[in-house]
Protein backbone atom coordinates (compact mmCIF):
# COMPACT_ATOMS: atom_id res chain seq x y z
CA UNK A 1 0.00 0.00 0.00
CA UNK A 2 1.35 3.42 -0.96
CA UNK A 3 1.01 6.86 0.54
CA UNK A 4 1.30 10.15 -1.34
CA UNK A 5 3.66 12.66 0.26
CA UNK A 6 5.21 16.00 -0.72
CA UNK A 7 8.95 16.11 -0.16
CA UNK A 8 10.22 19.06 1.87
CA UNK A 9 13.86 18.29 1.06
CA UNK A 10 15.83 16.22 -1.44
CA UNK A 11 15.77 12.54 -0.45
CA UNK A 12 18.27 10.30 -2.22
CA UNK A 13 16.56 7.58 -4.21
CA UNK A 14 13.10 9.06 -3.63
CA UNK A 15 12.90 12.52 -5.18
CA UNK A 16 13.65 16.20 -4.97
CA UNK A 17 12.22 19.00 -2.87
CA UNK A 18 8.61 19.90 -3.79
CA UNK A 19 8.04 16.59 -5.62
CA UNK A 20 4.86 14.63 -4.92
CA UNK A 21 5.83 10.96 -4.64
CA UNK A 22 4.27 7.63 -3.72
CA UNK A 23 6.10 5.82 -0.93
CA UNK A 24 5.22 2.92 1.31
CA UNK A 25 3.17 3.75 4.40
CA UNK A 26 5.91 2.44 6.71
CA UNK A 27 8.66 4.50 5.03
CA UNK A 28 6.52 7.62 5.30
CA UNK A 29 5.45 7.01 8.91
CA UNK A 30 8.83 5.83 10.23
CA UNK A 31 11.31 7.94 8.29
CA UNK A 32 10.03 10.80 6.12
CA UNK A 33 7.39 12.33 8.37
CA UNK A 34 9.28 12.15 11.74
CA UNK A 35 12.41 13.67 10.19
CA UNK A 36 10.34 16.44 8.55
CA UNK A 37 11.53 15.39 5.09
CA UNK A 38 7.96 15.12 3.80
CA UNK A 39 4.38 16.03 4.55
CA UNK A 40 1.09 14.35 3.67
CA UNK A 41 -0.20 15.25 0.20
CA UNK A 42 -3.58 16.72 1.12
CA UNK A 43 -5.59 18.58 -1.55
CA UNK A 44 -4.85 21.92 0.16
CA UNK A 45 -1.11 21.27 0.24
CA UNK A 46 -1.19 20.10 -3.39
CA UNK A 47 -2.86 23.38 -4.38
CA UNK A 48 -0.19 25.36 -2.52
CA UNK A 49 2.54 23.23 -4.14
CA UNK A 50 1.13 23.77 -7.64
CA UNK A 51 0.91 27.52 -7.03
CA UNK A 52 4.51 27.57 -5.75
CA UNK A 53 5.73 25.60 -8.80
CA UNK A 54 3.93 28.02 -11.13
CA UNK A 55 5.55 31.02 -9.42
CA UNK A 56 8.98 29.35 -9.55
CA UNK A 57 8.63 28.60 -13.28
CA UNK A 58 7.61 32.21 -13.96
CA UNK A 59 10.62 33.47 -11.98
CA UNK A 60 12.91 31.17 -13.98
CA UNK A 61 11.48 32.52 -17.25
CA UNK A 62 12.06 36.11 -16.12
CA UNK A 63 15.63 35.29 -15.03
CA UNK A 64 16.32 33.56 -18.36
CA UNK A 65 14.99 36.55 -20.33
CA UNK A 66 17.13 38.91 -18.23
CA UNK A 67 20.21 36.74 -18.79
CA UNK A 68 19.61 36.65 -22.57
CA UNK A 69 19.26 40.44 -22.65
CA UNK A 70 22.45 40.84 -20.61
CA UNK A 71 24.31 38.41 -22.91
CA UNK A 72 23.21 40.40 -25.96
CA UNK A 73 24.55 43.59 -24.35
CA UNK A 74 27.88 41.96 -23.44
CA UNK A 75 28.70 39.99 -26.59
CA UNK A 76 31.45 41.63 -28.59
CA UNK A 77 32.25 44.21 -25.91
CA UNK A 78 35.71 44.82 -24.48
CA UNK A 79 36.85 45.88 -21.02
CA UNK A 80 40.26 47.28 -20.05
CA UNK A 81 41.86 46.47 -16.71
CA UNK A 82 45.00 48.22 -15.54
CA UNK A 83 47.42 46.39 -13.27
CA UNK A 84 50.97 46.68 -12.00
CA UNK A 85 53.41 44.58 -14.03
CA UNK A 86 57.11 43.72 -14.24
CA UNK A 87 59.18 44.94 -17.22
CA UNK A 88 58.70 41.43 -18.73
CA UNK A 89 54.91 41.85 -18.68
CA UNK A 90 54.11 39.57 -15.71
CA UNK A 91 51.54 40.92 -13.29
CA UNK A 92 52.14 41.39 -9.61
CA UNK A 93 49.38 39.10 -8.36
CA UNK A 94 46.79 38.56 -11.05
CA UNK A 95 43.43 39.63 -12.38
CA UNK A 96 40.67 38.03 -10.31
CA UNK A 97 37.03 37.43 -11.25
CA UNK A 98 36.16 40.18 -8.76
CA UNK A 99 38.41 42.62 -10.69
CA UNK A 100 36.73 41.63 -13.97
CA UNK A 101 33.22 42.01 -12.53
CA UNK A 102 34.12 45.43 -11.09
CA UNK A 103 35.56 46.56 -14.44
CA UNK A 104 32.41 45.46 -16.29
CA UNK A 105 30.27 47.33 -13.79
CA UNK A 106 32.40 50.49 -14.01
CA UNK A 107 33.03 50.58 -17.77
CA UNK A 108 29.84 49.08 -19.21
CA UNK A 109 27.40 49.91 -16.42
CA UNK A 110 26.20 46.31 -16.21
CA UNK A 111 26.00 44.45 -12.90
CA UNK A 112 27.74 41.07 -13.08
CA UNK A 113 28.29 38.68 -10.18
CA UNK A 114 31.93 37.62 -9.76
CA UNK A 115 30.77 33.97 -9.61
CA UNK A 116 29.64 34.27 -13.24
CA UNK A 117 33.18 35.03 -14.47
CA UNK A 118 35.24 32.09 -15.75
CA UNK A 119 38.62 32.19 -17.45
CA UNK A 120 40.40 29.38 -19.28
CA UNK A 121 43.63 30.08 -17.40
CA UNK A 122 44.50 32.52 -14.62
CA UNK A 123 45.31 36.00 -15.93
CA UNK A 124 48.84 36.73 -14.76
CA UNK A 125 50.33 38.66 -17.71
CA UNK A 126 49.58 41.70 -19.85
CA UNK A 127 47.53 41.00 -22.97
CA UNK A 128 44.07 40.34 -24.32
CA UNK A 129 41.99 37.48 -22.92
CA UNK A 130 38.61 35.95 -23.71
CA UNK A 131 36.43 35.61 -20.63
CA UNK A 132 33.24 33.56 -20.50
CA UNK A 133 30.42 34.89 -18.34
CA UNK A 134 28.00 32.18 -17.22
CA UNK A 135 24.89 34.32 -16.71
CA UNK A 136 22.43 31.44 -16.40
CA UNK A 137 22.73 27.65 -16.71
CA UNK A 138 21.46 28.08 -20.28
CA UNK A 139 23.05 31.44 -21.20
CA UNK A 140 26.67 32.52 -21.44
CA UNK A 141 28.48 35.42 -23.10
CA UNK A 142 32.08 35.92 -24.20
CA UNK A 143 33.82 39.17 -23.39
CA UNK A 144 37.27 40.47 -24.32
CA UNK A 145 39.48 41.64 -21.45
CA UNK A 146 42.49 43.82 -22.21
CA UNK A 147 45.03 43.87 -19.39
CA UNK A 148 47.33 46.91 -19.61
CA UNK A 149 50.10 48.26 -17.41
CA UNK A 150 49.45 51.19 -15.10
CA UNK A 151 51.41 54.17 -16.35
C-alpha atoms as a PDB file:
ATOM      1  CA  UNK A   1       0.000   0.000   0.000  1.00  0.00           C
ATOM      2  CA  UNK A   2       1.350   3.415  -0.960  1.00  0.00           C
ATOM      3  CA  UNK A   3       1.014   6.858   0.540  1.00  0.00           C
ATOM      4  CA  UNK A   4       1.300  10.151  -1.337  1.00  0.00           C
ATOM      5  CA  UNK A   5       3.661  12.662   0.262  1.00  0.00           C
ATOM      6  CA  UNK A   6       5.207  16.000  -0.720  1.00  0.00           C
ATOM      7  CA  UNK A   7       8.952  16.110  -0.156  1.00  0.00           C
ATOM      8  CA  UNK A   8      10.216  19.062   1.870  1.00  0.00           C
ATOM      9  CA  UNK A   9      13.858  18.287   1.060  1.00  0.00           C
ATOM     10  CA  UNK A  10      15.827  16.216  -1.441  1.00  0.00           C
ATOM     11  CA  UNK A  11      15.769  12.537  -0.453  1.00  0.00           C
ATOM     12  CA  UNK A  12      18.266  10.297  -2.217  1.00  0.00           C
ATOM     13  CA  UNK A  13      16.564   7.583  -4.213  1.00  0.00           C
ATOM     14  CA  UNK A  14      13.101   9.058  -3.631  1.00  0.00           C
ATOM     15  CA  UNK A  15      12.896  12.520  -5.184  1.00  0.00           C
ATOM     16  CA  UNK A  16      13.652  16.201  -4.966  1.00  0.00           C
ATOM     17  CA  UNK A  17      12.218  19.000  -2.872  1.00  0.00           C
ATOM     18  CA  UNK A  18       8.612  19.897  -3.794  1.00  0.00           C
ATOM     19  CA  UNK A  19       8.035  16.588  -5.619  1.00  0.00           C
ATOM     20  CA  UNK A  20       4.858  14.632  -4.922  1.00  0.00           C
ATOM     21  CA  UNK A  21       5.834  10.955  -4.641  1.00  0.00           C
ATOM     22  CA  UNK A  22       4.266   7.634  -3.724  1.00  0.00           C
ATOM     23  CA  UNK A  23       6.104   5.815  -0.929  1.00  0.00           C
ATOM     24  CA  UNK A  24       5.217   2.920   1.309  1.00  0.00           C
ATOM     25  CA  UNK A  25       3.167   3.746   4.401  1.00  0.00           C
ATOM     26  CA  UNK A  26       5.912   2.442   6.705  1.00  0.00           C
ATOM     27  CA  UNK A  27       8.659   4.504   5.033  1.00  0.00           C
ATOM     28  CA  UNK A  28       6.524   7.623   5.302  1.00  0.00           C
ATOM     29  CA  UNK A  29       5.451   7.014   8.913  1.00  0.00           C
ATOM     30  CA  UNK A  30       8.831   5.831  10.231  1.00  0.00           C
ATOM     31  CA  UNK A  31      11.315   7.944   8.288  1.00  0.00           C
ATOM     32  CA  UNK A  32      10.034  10.795   6.121  1.00  0.00           C
ATOM     33  CA  UNK A  33       7.391  12.330   8.373  1.00  0.00           C
ATOM     34  CA  UNK A  34       9.277  12.146  11.738  1.00  0.00           C
ATOM     35  CA  UNK A  35      12.415  13.668  10.188  1.00  0.00           C
ATOM     36  CA  UNK A  36      10.336  16.443   8.550  1.00  0.00           C
ATOM     37  CA  UNK A  37      11.528  15.390   5.090  1.00  0.00           C
ATOM     38  CA  UNK A  38       7.960  15.122   3.796  1.00  0.00           C
ATOM     39  CA  UNK A  39       4.379  16.032   4.552  1.00  0.00           C
ATOM     40  CA  UNK A  40       1.091  14.355   3.670  1.00  0.00           C
ATOM     41  CA  UNK A  41      -0.198  15.254   0.197  1.00  0.00           C
ATOM     42  CA  UNK A  42      -3.580  16.722   1.121  1.00  0.00           C
ATOM     43  CA  UNK A  43      -5.588  18.584  -1.552  1.00  0.00           C
ATOM     44  CA  UNK A  44      -4.847  21.921   0.158  1.00  0.00           C
ATOM     45  CA  UNK A  45      -1.106  21.268   0.238  1.00  0.00           C
ATOM     46  CA  UNK A  46      -1.185  20.096  -3.394  1.00  0.00           C
ATOM     47  CA  UNK A  47      -2.863  23.385  -4.379  1.00  0.00           C
ATOM     48  CA  UNK A  48      -0.192  25.362  -2.521  1.00  0.00           C
ATOM     49  CA  UNK A  49       2.543  23.232  -4.139  1.00  0.00           C
ATOM     50  CA  UNK A  50       1.127  23.770  -7.635  1.00  0.00           C
ATOM     51  CA  UNK A  51       0.911  27.516  -7.030  1.00  0.00           C
ATOM     52  CA  UNK A  52       4.514  27.569  -5.746  1.00  0.00           C
ATOM     53  CA  UNK A  53       5.729  25.601  -8.796  1.00  0.00           C
ATOM     54  CA  UNK A  54       3.930  28.023 -11.128  1.00  0.00           C
ATOM     55  CA  UNK A  55       5.546  31.020  -9.416  1.00  0.00           C
ATOM     56  CA  UNK A  56       8.981  29.346  -9.553  1.00  0.00           C
ATOM     57  CA  UNK A  57       8.627  28.603 -13.284  1.00  0.00           C
ATOM     58  CA  UNK A  58       7.612  32.215 -13.961  1.00  0.00           C
ATOM     59  CA  UNK A  59      10.620  33.474 -11.978  1.00  0.00           C
ATOM     60  CA  UNK A  60      12.912  31.171 -13.981  1.00  0.00           C
ATOM     61  CA  UNK A  61      11.478  32.517 -17.250  1.00  0.00           C
ATOM     62  CA  UNK A  62      12.062  36.109 -16.123  1.00  0.00           C
ATOM     63  CA  UNK A  63      15.634  35.293 -15.027  1.00  0.00           C
ATOM     64  CA  UNK A  64      16.316  33.556 -18.363  1.00  0.00           C
ATOM     65  CA  UNK A  65      14.986  36.546 -20.335  1.00  0.00           C
ATOM     66  CA  UNK A  66      17.128  38.908 -18.235  1.00  0.00           C
ATOM     67  CA  UNK A  67      20.209  36.737 -18.793  1.00  0.00           C
ATOM     68  CA  UNK A  68      19.611  36.649 -22.572  1.00  0.00           C
ATOM     69  CA  UNK A  69      19.261  40.436 -22.652  1.00  0.00           C
ATOM     70  CA  UNK A  70      22.453  40.843 -20.614  1.00  0.00           C
ATOM     71  CA  UNK A  71      24.313  38.414 -22.913  1.00  0.00           C
ATOM     72  CA  UNK A  72      23.211  40.402 -25.960  1.00  0.00           C
ATOM     73  CA  UNK A  73      24.547  43.590 -24.351  1.00  0.00           C
ATOM     74  CA  UNK A  74      27.882  41.959 -23.437  1.00  0.00           C
ATOM     75  CA  UNK A  75      28.695  39.989 -26.587  1.00  0.00           C
ATOM     76  CA  UNK A  76      31.450  41.630 -28.592  1.00  0.00           C
ATOM     77  CA  UNK A  77      32.253  44.209 -25.911  1.00  0.00           C
ATOM     78  CA  UNK A  78      35.708  44.817 -24.482  1.00  0.00           C
ATOM     79  CA  UNK A  79      36.850  45.884 -21.023  1.00  0.00           C
ATOM     80  CA  UNK A  80      40.260  47.283 -20.048  1.00  0.00           C
ATOM     81  CA  UNK A  81      41.856  46.468 -16.709  1.00  0.00           C
ATOM     82  CA  UNK A  82      44.995  48.219 -15.543  1.00  0.00           C
ATOM     83  CA  UNK A  83      47.418  46.386 -13.272  1.00  0.00           C
ATOM     84  CA  UNK A  84      50.974  46.681 -11.996  1.00  0.00           C
ATOM     85  CA  UNK A  85      53.413  44.583 -14.025  1.00  0.00           C
ATOM     86  CA  UNK A  86      57.110  43.718 -14.245  1.00  0.00           C
ATOM     87  CA  UNK A  87      59.181  44.940 -17.216  1.00  0.00           C
ATOM     88  CA  UNK A  88      58.699  41.434 -18.734  1.00  0.00           C
ATOM     89  CA  UNK A  89      54.908  41.849 -18.679  1.00  0.00           C
ATOM     90  CA  UNK A  90      54.111  39.573 -15.711  1.00  0.00           C
ATOM     91  CA  UNK A  91      51.538  40.921 -13.294  1.00  0.00           C
ATOM     92  CA  UNK A  92      52.137  41.392  -9.610  1.00  0.00           C
ATOM     93  CA  UNK A  93      49.379  39.105  -8.363  1.00  0.00           C
ATOM     94  CA  UNK A  94      46.790  38.564 -11.045  1.00  0.00           C
ATOM     95  CA  UNK A  95      43.426  39.628 -12.381  1.00  0.00           C
ATOM     96  CA  UNK A  96      40.674  38.029 -10.308  1.00  0.00           C
ATOM     97  CA  UNK A  97      37.029  37.426 -11.247  1.00  0.00           C
ATOM     98  CA  UNK A  98      36.164  40.183  -8.761  1.00  0.00           C
ATOM     99  CA  UNK A  99      38.407  42.620 -10.693  1.00  0.00           C
ATOM    100  CA  UNK A 100      36.726  41.635 -13.966  1.00  0.00           C
ATOM    101  CA  UNK A 101      33.216  42.014 -12.526  1.00  0.00           C
ATOM    102  CA  UNK A 102      34.122  45.429 -11.088  1.00  0.00           C
ATOM    103  CA  UNK A 103      35.556  46.561 -14.440  1.00  0.00           C
ATOM    104  CA  UNK A 104      32.410  45.456 -16.293  1.00  0.00           C
ATOM    105  CA  UNK A 105      30.273  47.326 -13.788  1.00  0.00           C
ATOM    106  CA  UNK A 106      32.400  50.494 -14.009  1.00  0.00           C
ATOM    107  CA  UNK A 107      33.025  50.580 -17.775  1.00  0.00           C
ATOM    108  CA  UNK A 108      29.835  49.085 -19.209  1.00  0.00           C
ATOM    109  CA  UNK A 109      27.396  49.911 -16.420  1.00  0.00           C
ATOM    110  CA  UNK A 110      26.198  46.306 -16.208  1.00  0.00           C
ATOM    111  CA  UNK A 111      25.998  44.455 -12.901  1.00  0.00           C
ATOM    112  CA  UNK A 112      27.736  41.065 -13.080  1.00  0.00           C
ATOM    113  CA  UNK A 113      28.294  38.675 -10.180  1.00  0.00           C
ATOM    114  CA  UNK A 114      31.927  37.619  -9.765  1.00  0.00           C
ATOM    115  CA  UNK A 115      30.769  33.975  -9.611  1.00  0.00           C
ATOM    116  CA  UNK A 116      29.637  34.266 -13.237  1.00  0.00           C
ATOM    117  CA  UNK A 117      33.179  35.034 -14.467  1.00  0.00           C
ATOM    118  CA  UNK A 118      35.243  32.091 -15.750  1.00  0.00           C
ATOM    119  CA  UNK A 119      38.623  32.193 -17.455  1.00  0.00           C
ATOM    120  CA  UNK A 120      40.399  29.384 -19.281  1.00  0.00           C
ATOM    121  CA  UNK A 121      43.627  30.076 -17.399  1.00  0.00           C
ATOM    122  CA  UNK A 122      44.498  32.523 -14.624  1.00  0.00           C
ATOM    123  CA  UNK A 123      45.305  36.001 -15.932  1.00  0.00           C
ATOM    124  CA  UNK A 124      48.844  36.731 -14.764  1.00  0.00           C
ATOM    125  CA  UNK A 125      50.335  38.661 -17.709  1.00  0.00           C
ATOM    126  CA  UNK A 126      49.581  41.701 -19.851  1.00  0.00           C
ATOM    127  CA  UNK A 127      47.525  40.999 -22.972  1.00  0.00           C
ATOM    128  CA  UNK A 128      44.066  40.339 -24.319  1.00  0.00           C
ATOM    129  CA  UNK A 129      41.986  37.476 -22.920  1.00  0.00           C
ATOM    130  CA  UNK A 130      38.605  35.948 -23.707  1.00  0.00           C
ATOM    131  CA  UNK A 131      36.435  35.608 -20.635  1.00  0.00           C
ATOM    132  CA  UNK A 132      33.241  33.556 -20.496  1.00  0.00           C
ATOM    133  CA  UNK A 133      30.424  34.893 -18.337  1.00  0.00           C
ATOM    134  CA  UNK A 134      28.000  32.184 -17.220  1.00  0.00           C
ATOM    135  CA  UNK A 135      24.893  34.323 -16.709  1.00  0.00           C
ATOM    136  CA  UNK A 136      22.428  31.440 -16.400  1.00  0.00           C
ATOM    137  CA  UNK A 137      22.729  27.653 -16.711  1.00  0.00           C
ATOM    138  CA  UNK A 138      21.463  28.085 -20.278  1.00  0.00           C
ATOM    139  CA  UNK A 139      23.050  31.443 -21.205  1.00  0.00           C
ATOM    140  CA  UNK A 140      26.673  32.515 -21.437  1.00  0.00           C
ATOM    141  CA  UNK A 141      28.482  35.417 -23.095  1.00  0.00           C
ATOM    142  CA  UNK A 142      32.075  35.923 -24.197  1.00  0.00           C
ATOM    143  CA  UNK A 143      33.823  39.174 -23.391  1.00  0.00           C
ATOM    144  CA  UNK A 144      37.267  40.466 -24.320  1.00  0.00           C
ATOM    145  CA  UNK A 145      39.476  41.644 -21.446  1.00  0.00           C
ATOM    146  CA  UNK A 146      42.493  43.817 -22.208  1.00  0.00           C
ATOM    147  CA  UNK A 147      45.035  43.873 -19.387  1.00  0.00           C
ATOM    148  CA  UNK A 148      47.329  46.909 -19.606  1.00  0.00           C
ATOM    149  CA  UNK A 149      50.097  48.264 -17.407  1.00  0.00           C
ATOM    150  CA  UNK A 150      49.454  51.192 -15.099  1.00  0.00           C
ATOM    151  CA  UNK A 151      51.414  54.167 -16.349  1.00  0.00           C
END
